[in-house]
Amino acid sequence: RARVIAADGTERGGEGDTIVLEKVAFDLFSNPAAEAALAATGARTAIVFGVALDYCVRAAALGLRARGYETVLVRDATAPVTAEGGARVERELRDAGVRFASTDEIAAAFA
């Protein structure tokens, strides 16, 4: 079971390796408990994927990089809202130090 942390900081769910952070805006760090929850894992690498590369995924990746996390974007597990926006955001993320990988590469790393 996943540990779910609501946008107001309350928790529900079970224990485990999966943390689900509700957000109030595009950025996962709009959840006031996000930084503490991530820090508590001890992880220094974050794998990012999601629905809208040029909105939510961008905000998450840049927020994680700004906080010192090695950040890997799963390129084939996200899509931009617009092709132009996607190209711009990919350049921005690469410039910020975000690495790109495929689902297969991520799966192989955890096999």
PDB file of N, CA and C in Angstrom:
ATOM      1  N   ARG A   1       0.822  -1.196   0.000  1.00  0.00           N
ATOM      2  CA  ARG A   1       0.000   0.000   0.000  1.00  0.00           C
ATOM      3  C   ARG A   1       0.856   1.245   0.000  1.00  0.00           C
ATOM      4  N   ALA A   2       0.350   2.246  -0.651  1.00  0.00           N
ATOM      5  CA  ALA A   2       1.070   3.515  -0.733  1.00  0.00           C
ATOM      6  C   ALA A   2       0.760   4.381   0.483  1.00  0.00           C
ATOM      7  N   ARG A   3       1.725   5.168   0.836  1.00  0.00           N
ATOM      8  CA  ARG A   3       1.544   6.185   1.868  1.00  0.00           C
ATOM      9  C   ARG A   3       1.098   7.453   1.136  1.00  0.00           C
ATOM     10  N   VAL A   4      -0.093   7.942   1.441  1.00  0.00           N
ATOM     11  CA  VAL A   4      -0.647   9.110   0.765  1.00  0.00           C
ATOM     12  C   VAL A   4      -0.554  10.305   1.702  1.00  0.00           C
ATOM     13  N   ILE A   5       0.042  11.383   1.217  1.00  0.00           N
ATOM     14  CA  ILE A   5       0.151  12.613   1.998  1.00  0.00           C
ATOM     15  C   ILE A   5      -0.696  13.670   1.297  1.00  0.00           C
ATOM     16  N   ALA A   6      -1.777  14.047   1.959  1.00  0.00           N
ATOM     17  CA  ALA A   6      -2.719  15.019   1.395  1.00  0.00           C
ATOM     18  C   ALA A   6      -2.083  16.401   1.338  1.00  0.00           C
ATOM     19  N   ALA A   7      -2.700  17.281   0.576  1.00  0.00           N
ATOM     20  CA  ALA A   7      -2.186  18.639   0.408  1.00  0.00           C
ATOM     21  C   ALA A   7      -2.140  19.412   1.723  1.00  0.00           C
ATOM     22  N   ASP A   8      -2.960  19.000   2.695  1.00  0.00           N
ATOM     23  CA  ASP A   8      -2.927  19.684   3.999  1.00  0.00           C
ATOM     24  C   ASP A   8      -1.912  19.055   4.951  1.00  0.00           C
ATOM     25  N   GLY A   9      -1.149  18.065   4.470  1.00  0.00           N
ATOM     26  CA  GLY A   9      -0.114  17.442   5.277  1.00  0.00           C
ATOM     27  C   GLY A   9      -0.550  16.206   6.040  1.00  0.00           C
ATOM     28  N   THR A  10      -1.845  15.900   6.047  1.00  0.00           N
ATOM     29  CA  THR A  10      -2.312  14.702   6.741  1.00  0.00           C
ATOM     30  C   THR A  10      -1.966  13.463   5.915  1.00  0.00           C
ATOM     31  N   GLU A  11      -1.804  12.357   6.624  1.00  0.00           N
ATOM     32  CA  GLU A  11      -1.428  11.117   5.953  1.00  0.00           C
ATOM     33  C   GLU A  11      -2.501  10.063   6.097  1.00  0.00           C
ATOM     34  N   ARG A  12      -2.569   9.204   5.079  1.00  0.00           N
ATOM     35  CA  ARG A  12      -3.437   8.039   5.140  1.00  0.00           C
ATOM     36  C   ARG A  12      -2.787   6.939   4.320  1.00  0.00           C
ATOM     37  N   GLY A  13      -3.239   5.752   4.512  1.00  0.00           N
ATOM     38  CA  GLY A  13      -2.683   4.644   3.755  1.00  0.00           C
ATOM     39  C   GLY A  13      -1.714   3.848   4.592  1.00  0.00           C
ATOM     40  N   GLY A  14      -0.995   3.007   3.934  1.00  0.00           N
ATOM     41  CA  GLY A  14      -0.108   2.092   4.627  1.00  0.00           C
ATOM     42  C   GLY A  14       1.324   2.542   4.620  1.00  0.00           C
ATOM     43  N   GLU A  15       2.171   1.609   4.962  1.00  0.00           N
ATOM     44  CA  GLU A  15       3.603   1.849   4.926  1.00  0.00           C
ATOM     45  C   GLU A  15       4.158   1.202   3.670  1.00  0.00           C
ATOM     46  N   GLY A  16       5.275   1.638   3.257  1.00  0.00           N
ATOM     47  CA  GLY A  16       5.881   1.046   2.077  1.00  0.00           C
ATOM     48  C   GLY A  16       6.813   2.017   1.399  1.00  0.00           C
ATOM     49  N   ASP A  17       7.299   1.600   0.247  1.00  0.00           N
ATOM     50  CA  ASP A  17       8.269   2.397  -0.494  1.00  0.00           C
ATOM     51  C   ASP A  17       7.631   3.460  -1.369  1.00  0.00           C
ATOM     52  N   THR A  18       6.317   3.401  -1.532  1.00  0.00           N
ATOM     53  CA  THR A  18       5.635   4.326  -2.424  1.00  0.00           C
ATOM     54  C   THR A  18       4.995   5.451  -1.620  1.00  0.00           C
ATOM     55  N   ILE A  19       5.290   6.677  -2.030  1.00  0.00           N
ATOM     56  CA  ILE A  19       4.685   7.860  -1.418  1.00  0.00           C
ATOM     57  C   ILE A  19       3.923   8.590  -2.507  1.00  0.00           C
ATOM     58  N   VAL A  20       2.668   8.902  -2.241  1.00  0.00           N
ATOM     59  CA  VAL A  20       1.853   9.682  -3.162  1.00  0.00           C
ATOM     60  C   VAL A  20       1.624  11.040  -2.503  1.00  0.00           C
ATOM     61  N   LEU A  21       2.029  12.097  -3.192  1.00  0.00           N
ATOM     62  CA  LEU A  21       1.873  13.456  -2.673  1.00  0.00           C
ATOM     63  C   LEU A  21       0.778  14.167  -3.454  1.00  0.00           C
ATOM     64  N   GLU A  22      -0.304  14.531  -2.757  1.00  0.00           N
ATOM     65  CA  GLU A  22      -1.321  15.356  -3.410  1.00  0.00           C
ATOM     66  C   GLU A  22      -0.724  16.732  -3.624  1.00  0.00           C
ATOM     67  N   LYS A  23      -1.158  17.396  -4.672  1.00  0.00           N
ATOM     68  CA  LYS A  23      -0.677  18.752  -4.903  1.00  0.00           C
ATOM     69  C   LYS A  23      -1.853  19.699  -5.085  1.00  0.00           C
ATOM     70  N   VAL A  24      -1.583  20.968  -4.877  1.00  0.00           N
ATOM     71  CA  VAL A  24      -2.620  21.981  -4.981  1.00  0.00           C
ATOM     72  C   VAL A  24      -2.472  22.790  -6.262  1.00  0.00           C
ATOM     73  N   ALA A  25      -1.321  22.689  -6.878  1.00  0.00           N
ATOM     74  CA  ALA A  25      -1.031  23.411  -8.117  1.00  0.00           C
ATOM     75  C   ALA A  25      -0.164  22.492  -8.970  1.00  0.00           C
ATOM     76  N   PHE A  26       0.395  23.005 -10.046  1.00  0.00           N
ATOM     77  CA  PHE A  26       1.228  22.194 -10.926  1.00  0.00           C
ATOM     78  C   PHE A  26       2.392  21.536 -10.191  1.00  0.00           C
ATOM     79  N   ASP A  27       2.963  22.237  -9.257  1.00  0.00           N
ATOM     80  CA  ASP A  27       4.190  21.830  -8.600  1.00  0.00           C
ATOM     81  C   ASP A  27       3.922  20.909  -7.411  1.00  0.00           C
ATOM     82  N   LEU A  28       4.587  19.757  -7.358  1.00  0.00           N
ATOM     83  CA  LEU A  28       4.404  18.852  -6.223  1.00  0.00           C
ATOM     84  C   LEU A  28       4.826  19.512  -4.923  1.00  0.00           C
ATOM     85  N   PHE A  29       5.685  20.521  -4.991  1.00  0.00           N
ATOM     86  CA  PHE A  29       6.116  21.214  -3.786  1.00  0.00           C
ATOM     87  C   PHE A  29       5.069  22.208  -3.285  1.00  0.00           C
ATOM     88  N   SER A  30       3.906  22.255  -3.950  1.00  0.00           N
ATOM     89  CA  SER A  30       2.779  23.014  -3.399  1.00  0.00           C
ATOM     90  C   SER A  30       2.184  22.262  -2.205  1.00  0.00           C
ATOM     91  N   ASN A  31       2.552  20.992  -2.050  1.00  0.00           N
ATOM     92  CA  ASN A  31       2.168  20.221  -0.865  1.00  0.00           C
ATOM     93  C   ASN A  31       3.191  20.569   0.214  1.00  0.00           C
ATOM     94  N   PRO A  32       2.748  21.158   1.337  1.00  0.00           N
ATOM     95  CA  PRO A  32       3.698  21.603   2.352  1.00  0.00           C
ATOM     96  C   PRO A  32       4.511  20.469   2.982  1.00  0.00           C
ATOM     97  N   ALA A  33       4.068  19.243   2.826  1.00  0.00           N
ATOM     98  CA  ALA A  33       4.791  18.104   3.408  1.00  0.00           C
ATOM     99  C   ALA A  33       5.767  17.464   2.431  1.00  0.00           C
ATOM    100  N   ALA A  34       5.816  17.942   1.202  1.00  0.00           N
ATOM    101  CA  ALA A  34       6.618  17.291   0.161  1.00  0.00           C
ATOM    102  C   ALA A  34       8.100  17.207   0.508  1.00  0.00           C
ATOM    103  N   GLU A  35       8.693  18.320   0.885  1.00  0.00           N
ATOM    104  CA  GLU A  35      10.135  18.307   1.152  1.00  0.00           C
ATOM    105  C   GLU A  35      10.490  17.357   2.279  1.00  0.00           C
ATOM    106  N   ALA A  36       9.736  17.385   3.356  1.00  0.00           N
ATOM    107  CA  ALA A  36      10.023  16.505   4.489  1.00  0.00           C
ATOM    108  C   ALA A  36       9.810  15.042   4.118  1.00  0.00           C
ATOM    109  N   ALA A  37       8.766  14.748   3.362  1.00  0.00           N
ATOM    110  CA  ALA A  37       8.493  13.364   2.962  1.00  0.00           C
ATOM    111  C   ALA A  37       9.609  12.827   2.080  1.00  0.00           C
ATOM    112  N   LEU A  38      10.075  13.627   1.140  1.00  0.00           N
ATOM    113  CA  LEU A  38      11.168  13.192   0.275  1.00  0.00           C
ATOM    114  C   LEU A  38      12.466  13.046   1.062  1.00  0.00           C
ATOM    115  N   ALA A  39      12.756  13.983   1.922  1.00  0.00           N
ATOM    116  CA  ALA A  39      13.979  13.914   2.720  1.00  0.00           C
ATOM    117  C   ALA A  39      13.983  12.679   3.614  1.00  0.00           C
ATOM    118  N   ALA A  40      12.827  12.307   4.133  1.00  0.00           N
ATOM    119  CA  ALA A  40      12.730  11.148   5.026  1.00  0.00           C
ATOM    120  C   ALA A  40      13.067   9.840   4.324  1.00  0.00           C
ATOM    121  N   THR A  41      12.965   9.806   3.007  1.00  0.00           N
ATOM    122  CA  THR A  41      13.290   8.574   2.282  1.00  0.00           C
ATOM    123  C   THR A  41      14.796   8.337   2.218  1.00  0.00           C
ATOM    124  N   GLY A  42      15.582   9.393   2.351  1.00  0.00           N
ATOM    125  CA  GLY A  42      17.023   9.279   2.234  1.00  0.00           C
ATOM    126  C   GLY A  42      17.506   9.192   0.793  1.00  0.00           C
ATOM    127  N   ALA A  43      16.589   9.179  -0.144  1.00  0.00           N
ATOM    128  CA  ALA A  43      16.948   9.075  -1.559  1.00  0.00           C
ATOM    129  C   ALA A  43      17.603  10.366  -2.034  1.00  0.00           C
ATOM    130  N   ARG A  44      18.519  10.239  -2.960  1.00  0.00           N
ATOM    131  CA  ARG A  44      19.134  11.412  -3.581  1.00  0.00           C
ATOM    132  C   ARG A  44      18.841  11.466  -5.069  1.00  0.00           C
ATOM    133  N   THR A  45      18.130  10.448  -5.569  1.00  0.00           N
ATOM    134  CA  THR A  45      17.751  10.393  -6.980  1.00  0.00           C
ATOM    135  C   THR A  45      16.238  10.306  -7.067  1.00  0.00           C
ATOM    136  N   ALA A  46      15.662  11.070  -7.978  1.00  0.00           N
ATOM    137  CA  ALA A  46      14.217  11.037  -8.206  1.00  0.00           C
ATOM    138  C   ALA A  46      13.956  10.698  -9.663  1.00  0.00           C
ATOM    139  N   ILE A  47      12.998   9.825  -9.882  1.00  0.00           N
ATOM    140  CA  ILE A  47      12.578   9.456 -11.233  1.00  0.00           C
ATOM    141  C   ILE A  47      11.237  10.115 -11.471  1.00  0.00           C
ATOM    142  N   VAL A  48      11.143  10.896 -12.538  1.00  0.00           N
ATOM    143  CA  VAL A  48       9.962  11.713 -12.802  1.00  0.00           C
ATOM    144  C   VAL A  48       9.290  11.277 -14.095  1.00  0.00           C
ATOM    145  N   PHE A  49       7.970  11.188 -14.052  1.00  0.00           N
ATOM    146  CA  PHE A  49       7.167  10.915 -15.240  1.00  0.00           C
ATOM    147  C   PHE A  49       5.778  11.443 -14.951  1.00  0.00           C
ATOM    148  N   GLY A  50       4.947  11.544 -15.954  1.00  0.00           N
ATOM    149  CA  GLY A  50       3.597  12.036 -15.733  1.00  0.00           C
ATOM    150  C   GLY A  50       2.941  12.494 -17.010  1.00  0.00           C
ATOM    151  N   VAL A  51       1.798  13.110 -16.842  1.00  0.00           N
ATOM    152  CA  VAL A  51       0.931  13.418 -17.968  1.00  0.00           C
ATOM    153  C   VAL A  51       1.410  14.601 -18.801  1.00  0.00           C
ATOM    154  N   ALA A  52       1.719  15.706 -18.189  1.00  0.00           N
ATOM    155  CA  ALA A  52       1.979  16.928 -18.960  1.00  0.00           C
ATOM    156  C   ALA A  52       3.414  17.406 -18.764  1.00  0.00           C
ATOM    157  N   LEU A  53       4.283  17.044 -19.698  1.00  0.00           N
ATOM    158  CA  LEU A  53       5.695  17.405 -19.621  1.00  0.00           C
ATOM    159  C   LEU A  53       5.881  18.903 -19.430  1.00  0.00           C
ATOM    160  N   ASP A  54       5.134  19.702 -20.170  1.00  0.00           N
ATOM    161  CA  ASP A  54       5.366  21.145 -20.138  1.00  0.00           C
ATOM    162  C   ASP A  54       4.638  21.861 -19.000  1.00  0.00           C
ATOM    163  N   TYR A  55       4.077  21.132 -18.066  1.00  0.00           N
ATOM    164  CA  TYR A  55       3.439  21.736 -16.891  1.00  0.00           C
ATOM    165  C   TYR A  55       3.887  21.015 -15.624  1.00  0.00           C
ATOM    166  N   CYS A  56       3.149  20.017 -15.172  1.00  0.00           N
ATOM    167  CA  CYS A  56       3.415  19.333 -13.903  1.00  0.00           C
ATOM    168  C   CYS A  56       4.775  18.648 -13.876  1.00  0.00           C
ATOM    169  N   VAL A  57       5.116  17.941 -14.927  1.00  0.00           N
ATOM    170  CA  VAL A  57       6.384  17.207 -14.963  1.00  0.00           C
ATOM    171  C   VAL A  57       7.551  18.195 -14.924  1.00  0.00           C
ATOM    172  N   ARG A  58       7.443  19.273 -15.667  1.00  0.00           N
ATOM    173  CA  ARG A  58       8.466  20.319 -15.658  1.00  0.00           C
ATOM    174  C   ARG A  58       8.659  20.859 -14.247  1.00  0.00           C
ATOM    175  N   ALA A  59       7.557  21.219 -13.582  1.00  0.00           N
ATOM    176  CA  ALA A  59       7.632  21.786 -12.236  1.00  0.00           C
ATOM    177  C   ALA A  59       8.278  20.811 -11.254  1.00  0.00           C
ATOM    178  N   ALA A  60       7.905  19.542 -11.334  1.00  0.00           N
ATOM    179  CA  ALA A  60       8.478  18.540 -10.435  1.00  0.00           C
ATOM    180  C   ALA A  60       9.980  18.390 -10.671  1.00  0.00           C
ATOM    181  N   ALA A  61      10.371  18.242 -11.934  1.00  0.00           N
ATOM    182  CA  ALA A  61      11.786  18.033 -12.249  1.00  0.00           C
ATOM    183  C   ALA A  61      12.637  19.229 -11.830  1.00  0.00           C
ATOM    184  N   LEU A  62      12.178  20.429 -12.133  1.00  0.00           N
ATOM    185  CA  LEU A  62      12.946  21.613 -11.758  1.00  0.00           C
ATOM    186  C   LEU A  62      12.975  21.801 -10.243  1.00  0.00           C
ATOM    187  N   GLY A  63      11.871  21.513  -9.569  1.00  0.00           N
ATOM    188  CA  GLY A  63      11.835  21.609  -8.110  1.00  0.00           C
ATOM    189  C   GLY A  63      12.783  20.631  -7.449  1.00  0.00           C
ATOM    190  N   LEU A  64      12.834  19.421  -7.981  1.00  0.00           N
ATOM    191  CA  LEU A  64      13.752  18.414  -7.442  1.00  0.00           C
ATOM    192  C   LEU A  64      15.207  18.805  -7.678  1.00  0.00           C
ATOM    193  N   ARG A  65      15.525  19.286  -8.885  1.00  0.00           N
ATOM    194  CA  ARG A  65      16.896  19.726  -9.175  1.00  0.00           C
ATOM    195  C   ARG A  65      17.294  20.886  -8.269  1.00  0.00           C
ATOM    196  N   ALA A  66      16.379  21.826  -8.057  1.00  0.00           N
ATOM    197  CA  ALA A  66      16.676  22.980  -7.203  1.00  0.00           C
ATOM    198  C   ALA A  66      16.975  22.555  -5.774  1.00  0.00           C
ATOM    199  N   ARG A  67      16.469  21.391  -5.381  1.00  0.00           N
ATOM    200  CA  ARG A  67      16.692  20.881  -4.027  1.00  0.00           C
ATOM    201  C   ARG A  67      17.836  19.875  -3.971  1.00  0.00           C
ATOM    202  N   GLY A  68      18.570  19.745  -5.074  1.00  0.00           N
ATOM    203  CA  GLY A  68      19.765  18.929  -5.082  1.00  0.00           C
ATOM    204  C   GLY A  68      19.590  17.467  -5.435  1.00  0.00           C
ATOM    205  N   TYR A  69      18.405  17.071  -5.862  1.00  0.00           N
ATOM    206  CA  TYR A  69      18.195  15.678  -6.245  1.00  0.00           C
ATOM    207  C   TYR A  69      18.716  15.436  -7.651  1.00  0.00           C
ATOM    208  N   GLU A  70      19.408  14.289  -7.830  1.00  0.00           N
ATOM    209  CA  GLU A  70      19.690  13.837  -9.179  1.00  0.00           C
ATOM    210  C   GLU A  70      18.319  13.480  -9.743  1.00  0.00           C
ATOM    211  N   THR A  71      17.983  13.988 -10.889  1.00  0.00           N
ATOM    212  CA  THR A  71      16.635  13.829 -11.421  1.00  0.00           C
ATOM    213  C   THR A  71      16.699  13.192 -12.800  1.00  0.00           C
ATOM    214  N   VAL A  72      15.896  12.132 -12.960  1.00  0.00           N
ATOM    215  CA  VAL A  72      15.836  11.396 -14.222  1.00  0.00           C
ATOM    216  C   VAL A  72      14.404  11.466 -14.739  1.00  0.00           C
ATOM    217  N   LEU A  73      14.230  11.965 -15.935  1.00  0.00           N
ATOM    218  CA  LEU A  73      12.921  12.031 -16.563  1.00  0.00           C
ATOM    219  C   LEU A  73      12.739  10.818 -17.468  1.00  0.00           C
ATOM    220  N   VAL A  74      11.645  10.097 -17.278  1.00  0.00           N
ATOM    221  CA  VAL A  74      11.352   8.930 -18.117  1.00  0.00           C
ATOM    222  C   VAL A  74      10.658   9.458 -19.365  1.00  0.00           C
ATOM    223  N   ARG A  75      11.437   9.611 -20.406  1.00  0.00           N
ATOM    224  CA  ARG A  75      10.993  10.303 -21.627  1.00  0.00           C
ATOM    225  C   ARG A  75       9.768   9.664 -22.276  1.00  0.00           C
ATOM    226  N   ASP A  76       9.693   8.332 -22.305  1.00  0.00           N
ATOM    227  CA  ASP A  76       8.560   7.684 -22.964  1.00  0.00           C
ATOM    228  C   ASP A  76       7.383   7.452 -22.015  1.00  0.00           C
ATOM    229  N   ALA A  77       7.441   8.073 -20.844  1.00  0.00           N
ATOM    230  CA  ALA A  77       6.330   7.967 -19.892  1.00  0.00           C
ATOM    231  C   ALA A  77       5.767   9.342 -19.573  1.00  0.00           C
ATOM    232  N   THR A  78       5.939  10.269 -20.507  1.00  0.00           N
ATOM    233  CA  THR A  78       5.359  11.605 -20.389  1.00  0.00           C
ATOM    234  C   THR A  78       5.147  12.139 -21.805  1.00  0.00           C
ATOM    235  N   ALA A  79       4.310  13.142 -21.908  1.00  0.00           N
ATOM    236  CA  ALA A  79       4.066  13.772 -23.211  1.00  0.00           C
ATOM    237  C   ALA A  79       3.763  15.247 -22.984  1.00  0.00           C
ATOM    238  N   PRO A  80       4.183  16.082 -23.916  1.00  0.00           N
ATOM    239  CA  PRO A  80       3.880  17.501 -23.785  1.00  0.00           C
ATOM    240  C   PRO A  80       2.450  17.805 -24.225  1.00  0.00           C
ATOM    241  N   VAL A  81       1.939  18.909 -23.739  1.00  0.00           N
ATOM    242  CA  VAL A  81       0.636  19.393 -24.195  1.00  0.00           C
ATOM    243  C   VAL A  81       0.768  19.879 -25.634  1.00  0.00           C
ATOM    244  N   THR A  82       1.864  20.576 -25.927  1.00  0.00           N
ATOM    245  CA  THR A  82       2.135  21.018 -27.306  1.00  0.00           C
ATOM    246  C   THR A  82       3.555  20.600 -27.680  1.00  0.00           C
ATOM    247  N   ALA A  83       3.779  20.351 -28.944  1.00  0.00           N
ATOM    248  CA  ALA A  83       5.113  19.962 -29.412  1.00  0.00           C
ATOM    249  C   ALA A  83       6.125  21.079 -29.145  1.00  0.00           C
ATOM    250  N   GLU A  84       5.718  22.325 -29.375  1.00  0.00           N
ATOM    251  CA  GLU A  84       6.616  23.456 -29.149  1.00  0.00           C
ATOM    252  C   GLU A  84       6.985  23.565 -27.677  1.00  0.00           C
ATOM    253  N   GLY A  85       5.983  23.435 -26.824  1.00  0.00           N
ATOM    254  CA  GLY A  85       6.228  23.485 -25.386  1.00  0.00           C
ATOM    255  C   GLY A  85       7.124  22.352 -24.940  1.00  0.00           C
ATOM    256  N   GLY A  86       6.918  21.174 -25.502  1.00  0.00           N
ATOM    257  CA  GLY A  86       7.736  20.017 -25.147  1.00  0.00           C
ATOM    258  C   GLY A  86       9.197  20.215 -25.513  1.00  0.00           C
ATOM    259  N   ALA A  87       9.445  20.743 -26.695  1.00  0.00           N
ATOM    260  CA  ALA A  87      10.827  20.975 -27.135  1.00  0.00           C
ATOM    261  C   ALA A  87      11.509  22.009 -26.240  1.00  0.00           C
ATOM    262  N   ARG A  88      10.789  23.071 -25.923  1.00  0.00           N
ATOM    263  CA  ARG A  88      11.345  24.119 -25.053  1.00  0.00           C
ATOM    264  C   ARG A  88      11.669  23.562 -23.676  1.00  0.00           C
ATOM    265  N   VAL A  89      10.745  22.783 -23.115  1.00  0.00           N
ATOM    266  CA  VAL A  89      10.928  22.240 -21.770  1.00  0.00           C
ATOM    267  C   VAL A  89      12.053  21.212 -21.744  1.00  0.00           C
ATOM    268  N   GLU A  90      12.166  20.390 -22.782  1.00  0.00           N
ATOM    269  CA  GLU A  90      13.277  19.427 -22.817  1.00  0.00           C
ATOM    270  C   GLU A  90      14.615  20.145 -22.765  1.00  0.00           C
ATOM    271  N   ARG A  91      14.759  21.223 -23.513  1.00  0.00           N
ATOM    272  CA  ARG A  91      16.009  22.007 -23.473  1.00  0.00           C
ATOM    273  C   ARG A  91      16.225  22.577 -22.070  1.00  0.00           C
ATOM    274  N   GLU A  92      15.166  23.141 -21.492  1.00  0.00           N
ATOM    275  CA  GLU A  92      15.260  23.731 -20.159  1.00  0.00           C
ATOM    276  C   GLU A  92      15.677  22.687 -19.114  1.00  0.00           C
ATOM    277  N   LEU A  93      15.083  21.504 -19.196  1.00  0.00           N
ATOM    278  CA  LEU A  93      15.403  20.459 -18.227  1.00  0.00           C
ATOM    279  C   LEU A  93      16.837  19.967 -18.400  1.00  0.00           C
ATOM    280  N   ARG A  94      17.256  19.781 -19.632  1.00  0.00           N
ATOM    281  CA  ARG A  94      18.649  19.357 -19.873  1.00  0.00           C
ATOM    282  C   ARG A  94      19.621  20.408 -19.336  1.00  0.00           C
ATOM    283  N   ASP A  95      19.322  21.685 -19.583  1.00  0.00           N
ATOM    284  CA  ASP A  95      20.171  22.761 -19.086  1.00  0.00           C
ATOM    285  C   ASP A  95      20.219  22.775 -17.560  1.00  0.00           C
ATOM    286  N   ALA A  96      19.148  22.324 -16.906  1.00  0.00           N
ATOM    287  CA  ALA A  96      19.082  22.281 -15.438  1.00  0.00           C
ATOM    288  C   ALA A  96      19.756  21.026 -14.879  1.00  0.00           C
ATOM    289  N   GLY A  97      20.204  20.127 -15.764  1.00  0.00           N
ATOM    290  CA  GLY A  97      20.894  18.929 -15.300  1.00  0.00           C
ATOM    291  C   GLY A  97      20.017  17.701 -15.151  1.00  0.00           C
ATOM    292  N   VAL A  98      18.803  17.761 -15.650  1.00  0.00           N
ATOM    293  CA  VAL A  98      17.927  16.588 -15.616  1.00  0.00           C
ATOM    294  C   VAL A  98      18.417  15.606 -16.680  1.00  0.00           C
ATOM    295  N   ARG A  99      18.530  14.334 -16.286  1.00  0.00           N
ATOM    296  CA  ARG A  99      18.904  13.295 -17.240  1.00  0.00           C
ATOM    297  C   ARG A  99      17.636  12.690 -17.824  1.00  0.00           C
ATOM    298  N   PHE A 100      17.733  12.129 -19.010  1.00  0.00           N
ATOM    299  CA  PHE A 100      16.603  11.492 -19.664  1.00  0.00           C
ATOM    300  C   PHE A 100      16.900  10.003 -19.810  1.00  0.00           C
ATOM    301  N   ALA A 101      15.874   9.186 -19.617  1.00  0.00           N
ATOM    302  CA  ALA A 101      16.016   7.736 -19.762  1.00  0.00           C
ATOM    303  C   ALA A 101      14.707   7.191 -20.308  1.00  0.00           C
ATOM    304  N   SER A 102      14.766   5.959 -20.794  1.00  0.00           N
ATOM    305  CA  SER A 102      13.546   5.286 -21.261  1.00  0.00           C
ATOM    306  C   SER A 102      13.008   4.398 -20.148  1.00  0.00           C
ATOM    307  N   THR A 103      11.767   3.969 -20.314  1.00  0.00           N
ATOM    308  CA  THR A 103      11.174   3.028 -19.365  1.00  0.00           C
ATOM    309  C   THR A 103      12.024   1.770 -19.274  1.00  0.00           C
ATOM    310  N   ASP A 104      12.492   1.271 -20.403  1.00  0.00           N
ATOM    311  CA  ASP A 104      13.326   0.068 -20.401  1.00  0.00           C
ATOM    312  C   ASP A 104      14.617   0.280 -19.606  1.00  0.00           C
ATOM    313  N   GLU A 105      15.230   1.441 -19.742  1.00  0.00           N
ATOM    314  CA  GLU A 105      16.470   1.728 -19.000  1.00  0.00           C
ATOM    315  C   GLU A 105      16.209   1.775 -17.498  1.00  0.00           C
ATOM    316  N   ILE A 106      15.094   2.376 -17.112  1.00  0.00           N
ATOM    317  CA  ILE A 106      14.742   2.437 -15.688  1.00  0.00           C
ATOM    318  C   ILE A 106      14.457   1.035 -15.155  1.00  0.00           C
ATOM    319  N   ALA A 107      13.684   0.269 -15.897  1.00  0.00           N
ATOM    320  CA  ALA A 107      13.357  -1.105 -15.479  1.00  0.00           C
ATOM    321  C   ALA A 107      14.627  -1.941 -15.338  1.00  0.00           C
ATOM    322  N   ALA A 108      15.547  -1.805 -16.267  1.00  0.00           N
ATOM    323  CA  ALA A 108      16.796  -2.576 -16.210  1.00  0.00           C
ATOM    324  C   ALA A 108      17.624  -2.190 -14.987  1.00  0.00           C
ATOM    325  N   ALA A 109      17.584  -0.937 -14.609  1.00  0.00           N
ATOM    326  CA  ALA A 109      18.354  -0.475 -13.456  1.00  0.00           C
ATOM    327  C   ALA A 109      17.835  -1.082 -12.159  1.00  0.00           C
ATOM    328  N   PHE A 110      16.580  -1.485 -12.132  1.00  0.00           N
ATOM    329  CA  PHE A 110      15.985  -2.046 -10.915  1.00  0.00           C
ATOM    330  C   PHE A 110      15.759  -3.548 -10.999  1.00  0.00           C
ATOM    331  N   ALA A 111      16.265  -4.173 -12.069  1.00  0.00           N
ATOM    332  CA  ALA A 111      16.075  -5.621 -12.240  1.00  0.00           C
ATOM    333  C   ALA A 111      17.003  -6.420 -11.363  1.00  0.00           C
TER     334      ALA A 111
END
